[in-house]
């Protein structure tokens, strides 16, 4: 019983973000930027957008970067900050790369 109580107290003292740390976006739809803003943001980065969709409450862009590499970028829908950026695996068997976040 004492061990269970100790574990419960420990879990209750964890910061809320520690338990929910992931790449999901929790933003009310009223606070979202329009898709046109996502397209303008991507174009300003030099990306060629193939598709914009919603994944885990975030905008997700599938396309190509300025060097022609396939990319998948997840954006915060309210601020358009990059939540996740991945270089996709190409037809030549190259690995998927995940740059570190700033």
N, C-alpha and C. Protein backbone atom coordinates (compact mmCIF):
# COMPACT_ATOMS: atom_id res chain seq x y z
N UNK A 1 0.83 -1.19 0.00
CA UNK A 1 0.00 0.00 0.00
C UNK A 1 0.87 1.25 0.00
N UNK A 2 1.91 1.22 0.83
CA UNK A 2 2.80 2.38 0.92
C UNK A 2 3.51 2.65 -0.41
N UNK A 3 3.92 1.56 -1.09
CA UNK A 3 4.58 1.69 -2.38
C UNK A 3 3.63 2.32 -3.41
N UNK A 4 2.39 1.88 -3.44
CA UNK A 4 1.40 2.44 -4.36
C UNK A 4 1.18 3.91 -4.09
N UNK A 5 1.08 4.29 -2.84
CA UNK A 5 0.89 5.69 -2.47
C UNK A 5 2.08 6.53 -2.91
N UNK A 6 3.29 6.02 -2.75
CA UNK A 6 4.49 6.73 -3.16
C UNK A 6 4.49 6.95 -4.68
N UNK A 7 4.11 5.94 -5.43
CA UNK A 7 4.06 6.07 -6.89
C UNK A 7 3.01 7.10 -7.30
N UNK A 8 1.84 7.06 -6.66
CA UNK A 8 0.79 8.02 -6.99
C UNK A 8 1.21 9.45 -6.68
N UNK A 9 1.88 9.65 -5.57
CA UNK A 9 2.36 10.99 -5.22
C UNK A 9 3.39 11.45 -6.24
N UNK A 10 4.29 10.56 -6.64
CA UNK A 10 5.30 10.92 -7.65
C UNK A 10 4.64 11.31 -8.96
N UNK A 11 3.68 10.53 -9.43
CA UNK A 11 3.00 10.83 -10.69
C UNK A 11 2.22 12.14 -10.61
N UNK A 12 1.66 12.45 -9.47
CA UNK A 12 0.89 13.68 -9.30
C UNK A 12 1.79 14.92 -9.33
N UNK A 13 3.06 14.76 -8.97
CA UNK A 13 3.97 15.91 -8.93
C UNK A 13 4.69 16.15 -10.25
N UNK A 14 4.55 15.23 -11.22
CA UNK A 14 5.16 15.45 -12.52
C UNK A 14 4.50 16.64 -13.21
N UNK A 15 5.28 17.44 -13.93
CA UNK A 15 4.66 18.52 -14.70
C UNK A 15 3.73 17.92 -15.76
N UNK A 16 2.65 18.62 -16.04
CA UNK A 16 1.67 18.11 -16.99
C UNK A 16 2.29 17.86 -18.36
N UNK A 17 3.21 18.69 -18.79
CA UNK A 17 3.85 18.54 -20.09
C UNK A 17 4.71 17.29 -20.19
N UNK A 18 5.25 16.81 -19.10
CA UNK A 18 6.11 15.64 -19.14
C UNK A 18 5.32 14.40 -19.53
N UNK A 19 4.10 14.31 -19.07
CA UNK A 19 3.29 13.14 -19.39
C UNK A 19 2.74 13.22 -20.80
N UNK A 20 2.60 14.43 -21.34
CA UNK A 20 1.99 14.60 -22.65
C UNK A 20 2.98 15.07 -23.72
N UNK A 21 4.26 14.97 -23.45
CA UNK A 21 5.26 15.48 -24.39
C UNK A 21 5.23 14.64 -25.67
N UNK A 22 4.69 15.23 -26.73
CA UNK A 22 4.67 14.58 -28.02
C UNK A 22 4.53 15.65 -29.09
N UNK A 23 4.27 15.23 -30.31
CA UNK A 23 4.18 16.19 -31.40
C UNK A 23 2.75 16.46 -31.84
N UNK A 24 1.78 16.25 -30.94
CA UNK A 24 0.39 16.58 -31.23
C UNK A 24 0.16 18.06 -30.97
N UNK A 25 -0.83 18.62 -31.67
CA UNK A 25 -1.18 20.03 -31.51
C UNK A 25 -2.59 20.10 -30.91
N UNK A 26 -2.74 20.88 -29.87
CA UNK A 26 -4.03 21.04 -29.22
C UNK A 26 -4.43 22.51 -29.31
N UNK A 27 -5.07 22.88 -30.42
CA UNK A 27 -5.43 24.26 -30.68
C UNK A 27 -6.89 24.29 -31.14
N UNK A 28 -7.72 25.15 -30.54
CA UNK A 28 -9.11 25.26 -31.03
C UNK A 28 -9.12 25.70 -32.49
N UNK A 29 -10.03 25.15 -33.27
CA UNK A 29 -10.10 25.46 -34.70
C UNK A 29 -10.24 26.96 -34.96
N UNK A 30 -10.87 27.68 -34.05
CA UNK A 30 -11.04 29.13 -34.23
C UNK A 30 -9.70 29.86 -34.24
N UNK A 31 -8.65 29.25 -33.67
CA UNK A 31 -7.33 29.89 -33.59
C UNK A 31 -6.38 29.42 -34.68
N UNK A 32 -6.85 28.61 -35.61
CA UNK A 32 -5.99 28.09 -36.67
C UNK A 32 -5.75 29.14 -37.75
N UNK A 33 -4.55 29.10 -38.31
CA UNK A 33 -4.24 29.89 -39.50
C UNK A 33 -4.91 29.19 -40.69
N UNK A 34 -5.34 29.94 -41.72
CA UNK A 34 -5.95 29.29 -42.89
C UNK A 34 -4.92 28.53 -43.71
N UNK A 35 -5.39 27.60 -44.52
CA UNK A 35 -4.50 26.80 -45.38
C UNK A 35 -3.67 27.68 -46.31
N UNK A 36 -4.24 28.80 -46.73
CA UNK A 36 -3.49 29.71 -47.60
C UNK A 36 -2.23 30.22 -46.91
N UNK A 37 -2.32 30.45 -45.60
CA UNK A 37 -1.15 30.89 -44.83
C UNK A 37 -0.10 29.78 -44.78
N UNK A 38 -0.55 28.53 -44.69
CA UNK A 38 0.38 27.39 -44.69
C UNK A 38 1.09 27.32 -46.04
N UNK A 39 0.34 27.50 -47.11
CA UNK A 39 0.93 27.48 -48.45
C UNK A 39 1.95 28.60 -48.62
N UNK A 40 1.61 29.80 -48.15
CA UNK A 40 2.55 30.94 -48.24
C UNK A 40 3.81 30.66 -47.43
N UNK A 41 3.65 30.09 -46.23
CA UNK A 41 4.80 29.76 -45.39
C UNK A 41 5.71 28.77 -46.10
N UNK A 42 5.11 27.71 -46.66
CA UNK A 42 5.90 26.69 -47.35
C UNK A 42 6.63 27.27 -48.56
N UNK A 43 5.96 28.10 -49.32
CA UNK A 43 6.57 28.72 -50.49
C UNK A 43 7.74 29.62 -50.07
N UNK A 44 7.58 30.34 -48.97
CA UNK A 44 8.66 31.20 -48.47
C UNK A 44 9.88 30.39 -48.04
N UNK A 45 9.66 29.13 -47.66
CA UNK A 45 10.78 28.24 -47.27
C UNK A 45 11.44 27.60 -48.49
N UNK A 46 10.84 27.78 -49.66
CA UNK A 46 11.37 27.16 -50.87
C UNK A 46 10.86 25.76 -51.09
N UNK A 47 9.78 25.38 -50.42
CA UNK A 47 9.23 24.05 -50.53
C UNK A 47 8.18 23.98 -51.64
N UNK A 48 8.14 22.86 -52.32
CA UNK A 48 7.11 22.57 -53.30
C UNK A 48 6.08 21.68 -52.60
N UNK A 49 4.88 22.19 -52.40
CA UNK A 49 3.85 21.48 -51.64
C UNK A 49 3.09 20.53 -52.55
N UNK A 50 3.07 19.28 -52.15
CA UNK A 50 2.28 18.27 -52.85
C UNK A 50 0.92 18.10 -52.18
N UNK A 51 0.92 18.19 -50.85
CA UNK A 51 -0.32 17.94 -50.11
C UNK A 51 -0.25 18.60 -48.73
N UNK A 52 -1.36 19.17 -48.31
CA UNK A 52 -1.50 19.68 -46.94
C UNK A 52 -2.67 18.93 -46.32
N UNK A 53 -2.41 18.34 -45.16
CA UNK A 53 -3.48 17.63 -44.46
C UNK A 53 -3.37 17.90 -42.98
N UNK A 54 -4.30 17.39 -42.22
CA UNK A 54 -4.30 17.55 -40.77
C UNK A 54 -3.95 16.20 -40.16
N UNK A 55 -2.97 16.19 -39.25
CA UNK A 55 -2.54 14.97 -38.57
C UNK A 55 -2.26 15.31 -37.12
N UNK A 56 -2.88 14.60 -36.21
CA UNK A 56 -2.70 14.82 -34.77
C UNK A 56 -2.98 16.26 -34.38
N UNK A 57 -3.92 16.90 -35.05
CA UNK A 57 -4.29 18.28 -34.73
C UNK A 57 -3.33 19.31 -35.29
N UNK A 58 -2.36 18.89 -36.09
CA UNK A 58 -1.38 19.80 -36.69
C UNK A 58 -1.57 19.79 -38.21
N UNK A 59 -1.10 20.86 -38.85
CA UNK A 59 -0.99 20.82 -40.31
C UNK A 59 0.20 19.94 -40.65
N UNK A 60 0.07 19.14 -41.70
CA UNK A 60 1.18 18.34 -42.18
C UNK A 60 1.36 18.59 -43.67
N UNK A 61 2.56 18.96 -44.05
CA UNK A 61 2.89 19.23 -45.45
C UNK A 61 3.72 18.08 -45.98
N UNK A 62 3.30 17.53 -47.10
CA UNK A 62 4.10 16.58 -47.86
C UNK A 62 4.55 17.30 -49.11
N UNK A 63 5.83 17.23 -49.39
CA UNK A 63 6.33 17.93 -50.57
C UNK A 63 7.80 17.70 -50.77
N UNK A 64 8.44 18.70 -51.37
CA UNK A 64 9.88 18.64 -51.65
C UNK A 64 10.53 19.93 -51.20
N UNK A 65 11.76 19.82 -50.70
CA UNK A 65 12.50 21.02 -50.31
C UNK A 65 13.16 21.63 -51.55
N UNK A 66 13.91 22.70 -51.34
CA UNK A 66 14.53 23.42 -52.46
C UNK A 66 15.54 22.55 -53.21
N UNK A 67 16.08 21.51 -52.57
CA UNK A 67 17.04 20.61 -53.23
C UNK A 67 16.35 19.42 -53.87
N UNK A 68 15.01 19.38 -53.80
CA UNK A 68 14.26 18.30 -54.43
C UNK A 68 14.06 17.07 -53.56
N UNK A 69 14.49 17.13 -52.30
CA UNK A 69 14.32 15.98 -51.40
C UNK A 69 12.88 15.94 -50.88
N UNK A 70 12.33 14.73 -50.77
CA UNK A 70 10.99 14.56 -50.22
C UNK A 70 11.00 14.91 -48.74
N UNK A 71 10.03 15.72 -48.32
CA UNK A 71 9.94 16.14 -46.93
C UNK A 71 8.53 15.94 -46.41
N UNK A 72 8.45 15.82 -45.10
CA UNK A 72 7.18 15.80 -44.38
C UNK A 72 7.37 16.75 -43.20
N UNK A 73 6.56 17.80 -43.16
CA UNK A 73 6.72 18.83 -42.14
C UNK A 73 5.40 18.98 -41.39
N UNK A 74 5.48 18.94 -40.07
CA UNK A 74 4.30 19.14 -39.23
C UNK A 74 4.39 20.55 -38.65
N UNK A 75 3.31 21.34 -38.82
CA UNK A 75 3.27 22.73 -38.35
C UNK A 75 2.20 22.92 -37.29
N UNK A 76 2.51 23.76 -36.31
CA UNK A 76 1.52 24.17 -35.31
C UNK A 76 0.46 25.00 -36.05
N UNK A 77 -0.81 24.67 -35.92
CA UNK A 77 -1.83 25.34 -36.73
C UNK A 77 -2.10 26.79 -36.35
N UNK A 78 -1.75 27.19 -35.14
CA UNK A 78 -1.98 28.57 -34.72
C UNK A 78 -0.83 29.50 -35.03
N UNK A 79 0.40 28.99 -34.89
CA UNK A 79 1.58 29.83 -35.05
C UNK A 79 2.38 29.52 -36.32
N UNK A 80 2.10 28.39 -36.93
CA UNK A 80 2.84 27.87 -38.09
C UNK A 80 4.31 27.60 -37.77
N UNK A 81 4.62 27.38 -36.50
CA UNK A 81 5.97 26.96 -36.14
C UNK A 81 6.14 25.49 -36.48
N UNK A 82 7.35 25.11 -36.87
CA UNK A 82 7.62 23.72 -37.21
C UNK A 82 7.66 22.88 -35.94
N UNK A 83 6.81 21.87 -35.91
CA UNK A 83 6.74 20.93 -34.78
C UNK A 83 7.65 19.74 -35.05
N UNK A 84 7.66 19.30 -36.31
CA UNK A 84 8.47 18.15 -36.70
C UNK A 84 8.84 18.30 -38.17
N UNK A 85 10.08 17.93 -38.52
CA UNK A 85 10.56 18.03 -39.90
C UNK A 85 11.29 16.74 -40.22
N UNK A 86 10.88 16.08 -41.30
CA UNK A 86 11.52 14.82 -41.68
C UNK A 86 11.85 14.83 -43.17
N UNK A 87 13.02 14.30 -43.49
CA UNK A 87 13.35 14.00 -44.87
C UNK A 87 12.86 12.58 -45.09
N UNK A 88 12.03 12.37 -46.09
CA UNK A 88 11.46 11.06 -46.35
C UNK A 88 12.45 10.15 -47.06
N UNK A 89 12.26 8.85 -46.90
CA UNK A 89 13.08 7.86 -47.57
C UNK A 89 12.85 7.96 -49.08
N UNK A 90 13.92 8.00 -49.85
CA UNK A 90 13.76 8.10 -51.30
C UNK A 90 13.82 6.72 -51.96
N UNK A 91 13.71 6.69 -53.26
CA UNK A 91 13.69 5.43 -54.00
C UNK A 91 15.04 4.72 -54.02
N UNK A 92 16.09 5.38 -53.56
CA UNK A 92 17.42 4.80 -53.59
C UNK A 92 17.80 4.14 -52.27
N UNK A 93 16.86 4.02 -51.35
CA UNK A 93 17.12 3.35 -50.09
C UNK A 93 17.81 4.22 -49.06
N UNK A 94 17.89 5.51 -49.28
CA UNK A 94 18.49 6.39 -48.28
C UNK A 94 17.62 6.44 -47.05
N UNK A 95 18.26 6.66 -45.92
CA UNK A 95 17.54 6.67 -44.65
C UNK A 95 16.68 7.90 -44.48
N UNK A 96 15.69 7.75 -43.65
CA UNK A 96 14.86 8.87 -43.24
C UNK A 96 15.66 9.65 -42.21
N UNK A 97 15.71 10.97 -42.35
CA UNK A 97 16.50 11.79 -41.44
C UNK A 97 15.58 12.71 -40.67
N UNK A 98 15.89 12.94 -39.41
CA UNK A 98 15.12 13.84 -38.56
C UNK A 98 16.05 14.88 -37.98
N UNK A 99 16.04 16.09 -38.52
CA UNK A 99 16.89 17.14 -37.95
C UNK A 99 16.46 17.47 -36.53
N UNK A 100 17.42 17.87 -35.72
CA UNK A 100 17.10 18.26 -34.35
C UNK A 100 16.31 19.55 -34.34
N UNK A 101 15.37 19.65 -33.40
CA UNK A 101 14.59 20.88 -33.26
C UNK A 101 15.41 21.95 -32.58
N UNK A 102 15.13 23.21 -32.94
CA UNK A 102 15.83 24.33 -32.32
C UNK A 102 15.26 24.62 -30.96
